[in-house]
Amino acid sequence: MFYTGKNLEEALSKVIEKHNVTLDEITYQIIEEKTGFLGLGSKVEIKAYCYKDIIESIKLYLNNYLNHLNINHTIEVTYNDNKYTVLLNSDNNAVLIGKNGQTLVSLTTLCKTHLSTTYKKYINNLFIDVNGYKEDKYIRIQKMAYRIAKEVQRTKIAAKLDPMPNDERKAIHHYLTNLPYIRTISEGEAHKRYLTIVYDENKK
């Protein structure tokens, strides 16, 4: 994660060459910069990373975590549209998911915290799924929210949903975005945050 060069451009070129990425995909911080005399002895040291570093960090963290629990598993991490997607499968998926998906939520939070601490940057665009559990749940809650939204359209009376994790609230919000006269509001604190589906006569 540390690179040096005679100047910033040279140091960044080493990152680009190592990871085969573009300059726009690099996040860096200058650690030390020496000007030198007439350009001689100039040196720049940077701390830099790209999405490939984060992918490796995710794999390393989750592998260590699951190996510590003696859970045989497979892990696949991809990066698309500025989102890290982790697909896990193991010999005991029920343990990783937990009751109502709470263990999976906690695992995601732990991994986000680890990444944010490692890279000194809040990383929230991480999605972890176990054997398709989350995708199936998204479909269920989106269908549920759609039925409720249609009722709100008819009655013009707002409806409050049960508390749910941030990613599930986002899934419902995006699903209902283009529904006429319907708007979603996230309310509540911490793990008790929930969505309220409201009628908005100005949204067509």
Protein backbone atom coordinates (compact mmCIF):
# COMPACT_ATOMS: atom_id res chain seq x y z
CA MET A 1 0.00 0.00 0.00
CA PHE A 2 3.07 2.28 0.18
CA TYR A 3 4.77 3.42 -3.01
CA THR A 4 7.70 5.74 -3.68
CA GLY A 5 8.96 7.63 -6.71
CA LYS A 6 10.98 10.65 -7.75
CA ASN A 7 7.67 12.47 -8.04
CA LEU A 8 3.96 11.86 -7.55
CA GLU A 9 3.43 10.76 -11.15
CA GLU A 10 6.11 8.07 -10.86
CA ALA A 11 4.72 6.77 -7.57
CA LEU A 12 1.21 6.58 -9.02
CA SER A 13 2.49 4.86 -12.15
CA LYS A 14 3.75 2.04 -9.93
CA VAL A 15 0.27 1.56 -8.52
CA ILE A 16 -1.24 1.58 -12.01
CA GLU A 17 1.30 -0.96 -13.26
CA LYS A 18 0.93 -3.27 -10.28
CA HIS A 19 -2.87 -3.45 -10.33
CA ASN A 20 -3.55 -2.70 -14.01
CA VAL A 21 -6.01 0.06 -13.13
CA THR A 22 -6.60 3.63 -14.25
CA LEU A 23 -5.63 6.75 -12.32
CA ASP A 24 -9.30 7.45 -11.55
CA GLU A 25 -9.53 4.12 -9.72
CA ILE A 26 -6.76 5.01 -7.27
CA THR A 27 -7.19 6.65 -3.87
CA TYR A 28 -3.97 7.98 -2.45
CA GLN A 29 -2.44 10.09 0.31
CA ILE A 30 0.99 11.74 0.22
CA ILE A 31 2.98 10.51 3.23
CA GLU A 32 6.30 12.23 2.58
CA GLU A 33 7.60 14.61 -0.06
CA LYS A 34 11.23 15.73 -0.48
CA THR A 35 12.06 18.33 -3.10
CA GLY A 36 15.84 17.86 -3.28
CA PHE A 37 18.33 20.28 -4.86
CA LEU A 38 17.73 21.13 -8.50
CA GLY A 39 15.52 18.07 -8.70
CA LEU A 40 18.21 15.71 -7.47
CA GLY A 41 17.23 13.49 -4.56
CA SER A 42 13.54 14.28 -4.94
CA LYS A 43 11.28 11.66 -3.41
CA VAL A 44 7.57 11.18 -2.90
CA GLU A 45 6.05 8.44 -0.76
CA ILE A 46 2.33 7.76 -0.98
CA LYS A 47 -0.17 5.43 0.61
CA ALA A 48 -2.44 4.21 -2.15
CA TYR A 49 -5.08 1.60 -2.82
CA CYS A 50 -7.68 0.65 -5.42
CA TYR A 51 -10.75 -1.55 -5.52
CA LYS A 52 -8.59 -4.65 -6.03
CA ASP A 53 -6.91 -4.04 -2.66
CA ILE A 54 -10.31 -3.81 -1.01
CA ILE A 55 -11.43 -7.04 -2.65
CA GLU A 56 -8.37 -8.83 -1.26
CA SER A 57 -9.00 -7.33 2.18
CA ILE A 58 -12.59 -8.58 2.11
CA LYS A 59 -11.49 -12.08 1.17
CA LEU A 60 -8.75 -12.16 3.81
CA TYR A 61 -11.01 -10.88 6.59
CA LEU A 62 -13.91 -13.23 5.85
CA ASN A 63 -11.65 -16.24 5.29
CA ASN A 64 -9.94 -15.66 8.63
CA TYR A 65 -13.28 -15.13 10.37
CA LEU A 66 -14.89 -18.28 8.98
CA ASN A 67 -11.77 -20.42 9.40
CA HIS A 68 -11.70 -19.39 13.06
CA LEU A 69 -15.25 -20.76 13.35
CA ASN A 70 -14.16 -23.96 11.56
CA ILE A 71 -16.73 -23.39 8.82
CA ASN A 72 -15.82 -24.80 5.41
CA HIS A 73 -16.79 -22.24 2.82
CA THR A 74 -16.37 -20.73 -0.61
CA ILE A 75 -16.20 -17.01 -1.25
CA GLU A 76 -16.53 -14.89 -4.39
CA VAL A 77 -16.08 -11.11 -4.41
CA THR A 78 -16.91 -8.85 -7.35
CA TYR A 79 -16.87 -5.08 -7.87
CA ASN A 80 -19.39 -3.40 -10.17
CA ASP A 81 -21.08 0.01 -10.20
CA ASN A 82 -19.06 1.08 -7.16
CA LYS A 83 -20.44 -1.84 -5.11
CA TYR A 84 -18.65 -4.82 -3.58
CA THR A 85 -20.71 -8.00 -3.75
CA VAL A 86 -19.71 -11.02 -1.68
CA LEU A 87 -21.28 -14.42 -2.36
CA LEU A 88 -20.71 -16.94 0.43
CA ASN A 89 -21.60 -20.61 0.60
CA SER A 90 -20.69 -23.01 3.39
CA ASP A 91 -21.42 -26.34 4.99
CA ASN A 92 -23.58 -24.51 7.54
CA ASN A 93 -25.32 -21.58 5.87
CA ALA A 94 -27.98 -21.41 8.59
CA VAL A 95 -25.33 -20.40 11.13
CA LEU A 96 -24.03 -17.61 8.89
CA ILE A 97 -27.53 -16.29 8.22
CA GLY A 98 -28.86 -16.52 11.77
CA LYS A 99 -32.40 -15.87 12.96
CA ASN A 100 -34.14 -13.46 10.57
CA GLY A 101 -30.75 -12.83 8.95
CA GLN A 102 -29.31 -11.08 12.02
CA THR A 103 -25.99 -12.95 11.96
CA LEU A 104 -25.52 -12.01 8.32
CA VAL A 105 -26.26 -8.37 9.15
CA SER A 106 -23.69 -8.46 11.97
CA LEU A 107 -21.09 -10.09 9.71
CA THR A 108 -21.62 -7.37 7.10
CA THR A 109 -21.25 -4.66 9.76
CA LEU A 110 -18.03 -6.21 11.08
CA CYS A 111 -16.53 -6.39 7.60
CA LYS A 112 -17.49 -2.78 6.83
CA THR A 113 -15.91 -1.63 10.09
CA HIS A 114 -12.71 -3.54 9.31
CA LEU A 115 -12.47 -1.99 5.84
CA SER A 116 -13.22 1.51 7.08
CA THR A 117 -10.53 1.19 9.75
CA THR A 118 -7.98 -0.25 7.34
CA TYR A 119 -8.48 2.33 4.60
CA LYS A 120 -9.41 5.31 6.81
CA LYS A 121 -12.52 5.78 4.73
CA TYR A 122 -16.13 4.84 5.40
CA ILE A 123 -16.99 1.97 3.09
CA ASN A 124 -20.72 1.34 3.02
CA ASN A 125 -21.17 -0.12 -0.47
CA LEU A 126 -20.67 -3.73 0.65
CA PHE A 127 -23.26 -6.45 0.05
CA ILE A 128 -22.80 -9.93 1.54
CA ASP A 129 -25.15 -12.77 0.63
CA VAL A 130 -25.21 -16.40 1.72
CA ASN A 131 -26.45 -18.91 -0.85
CA GLY A 132 -28.93 -16.39 -2.34
CA TYR A 133 -30.66 -15.69 1.00
CA LYS A 134 -30.59 -11.90 0.61
CA GLU A 135 -31.74 -11.87 -3.00
CA ASP A 136 -34.70 -14.08 -2.12
CA LYS A 137 -35.56 -11.84 0.83
CA TYR A 138 -35.37 -8.71 -1.33
CA ILE A 139 -37.93 -10.22 -3.67
CA ARG A 140 -40.26 -11.07 -0.77
CA ILE A 141 -40.10 -7.66 0.92
CA GLN A 142 -40.40 -5.79 -2.38
CA LYS A 143 -43.59 -7.66 -3.22
CA MET A 144 -44.90 -6.96 0.28
CA ALA A 145 -44.04 -3.25 0.03
CA TYR A 146 -45.65 -3.02 -3.41
CA ARG A 147 -48.96 -4.41 -2.08
CA ILE A 148 -48.87 -1.90 0.77
CA ALA A 149 -47.96 0.95 -1.59
CA LYS A 150 -50.95 0.17 -3.81
CA GLU A 151 -53.15 0.35 -0.71
CA VAL A 152 -51.60 3.73 0.18
CA GLN A 153 -52.37 4.92 -3.36
CA ARG A 154 -55.99 3.91 -2.90
CA THR A 155 -56.56 5.24 0.63
CA LYS A 156 -53.99 8.07 0.71
CA ILE A 157 -53.13 6.91 4.23
CA ALA A 158 -49.44 6.43 5.09
CA ALA A 159 -48.23 2.98 6.17
CA LYS A 160 -45.29 2.22 8.45
CA LEU A 161 -43.21 -0.90 7.80
CA ASP A 162 -41.37 -2.96 10.41
CA PRO A 163 -37.75 -2.02 11.25
CA MET A 164 -35.24 -3.53 8.82
CA PRO A 165 -31.56 -3.25 7.86
CA ASN A 166 -30.33 -0.43 5.65
CA ASP A 167 -29.85 -2.61 2.56
CA GLU A 168 -33.45 -3.89 2.75
CA ARG A 169 -34.81 -0.36 3.13
CA LYS A 170 -32.80 0.66 0.06
CA ALA A 171 -34.14 -2.32 -1.90
CA ILE A 172 -37.72 -1.26 -1.19
CA HIS A 173 -36.99 2.42 -1.84
CA HIS A 174 -35.51 1.71 -5.29
CA TYR A 175 -38.30 -0.72 -6.12
CA LEU A 176 -41.01 1.87 -5.40
CA THR A 177 -39.18 4.89 -6.85
CA ASN A 178 -41.15 5.02 -10.09
CA LEU A 179 -44.54 4.22 -8.57
CA PRO A 180 -46.85 7.24 -9.04
CA TYR A 181 -47.97 9.16 -5.93
CA ILE A 182 -45.76 7.01 -3.68
CA ARG A 183 -42.75 8.17 -1.66
CA THR A 184 -40.75 6.36 1.01
CA ILE A 185 -39.29 7.97 4.13
CA SER A 186 -36.67 6.37 6.36
CA GLU A 187 -37.32 7.07 10.04
CA GLY A 188 -36.24 5.85 13.47
CA GLU A 189 -32.83 5.37 15.07
CA ALA A 190 -30.06 2.78 14.68
CA HIS A 191 -31.35 -0.81 14.36
CA LYS A 192 -34.94 0.43 14.80
CA ARG A 193 -34.98 2.43 11.55
CA TYR A 194 -37.97 1.72 9.34
CA LEU A 195 -39.67 2.92 6.16
CA THR A 196 -42.92 4.80 5.96
CA ILE A 197 -44.77 4.65 2.65
CA VAL A 198 -46.61 7.92 2.09
CA TYR A 199 -48.99 9.32 -0.50
CA ASP A 200 -47.56 12.27 -2.43
CA GLU A 201 -50.02 13.92 -4.81
CA ASN A 202 -47.17 15.86 -6.48
CA LYS A 203 -45.27 12.72 -7.50
CA LYS A 204 -46.61 11.41 -10.79
